[in-house]
């Protein structure tokens, strides 16, 4: 089992940390990146949008391009964490949403160009994370699901055999959990 390796960006908190803990417990070898990005301001200057696109779309593409030969050889999986902000408009989330929409499209194109790799855009849904709290200061986000509750849905992509595509955590939960 120790031959399975996962690269997780943003593993210092939230969903990235919860996923890293789960994979570590399952015996995976991990490569982690501690980079974390805060939400952007409401009045988004173009240079800030360029920075957000570089972090949330261009960097994941560059990393994927470097790893694709190994992923193809191993029949691996590439999971890009996206957001409903990629497909819905939210005030103050324009740059983040645009970057996640770009990441969705890049994931779809990579899946077509590299059919031996399962390429997923994974939308975890709203979670009680520091990022969400930073986006809504003064509001109580503790009623949202904890990142740990999303990991089982994510593991269906990591360990399953679903075709490449965009998946929402709510659609990947086991049937028993979905009816509870």
Foldseek 3Di string as FASTA:
>chain_A
DAVAEDEAECCPWALNVLLVVVVVVVNYHYHYHNDDDAADFQPDDPVNLVVLLCVLAVVLLVVCVVCVVVCLVVLAEAEREAECLLVDPDGSRVSNNVSRVNNQVSQVVVCVVRVSYAGEHEHAYDAPIPRVCSVPPPDDPNVGHGSNVLNVLVVCRRVHDDHHHYYYSLVRDPPVVNVD
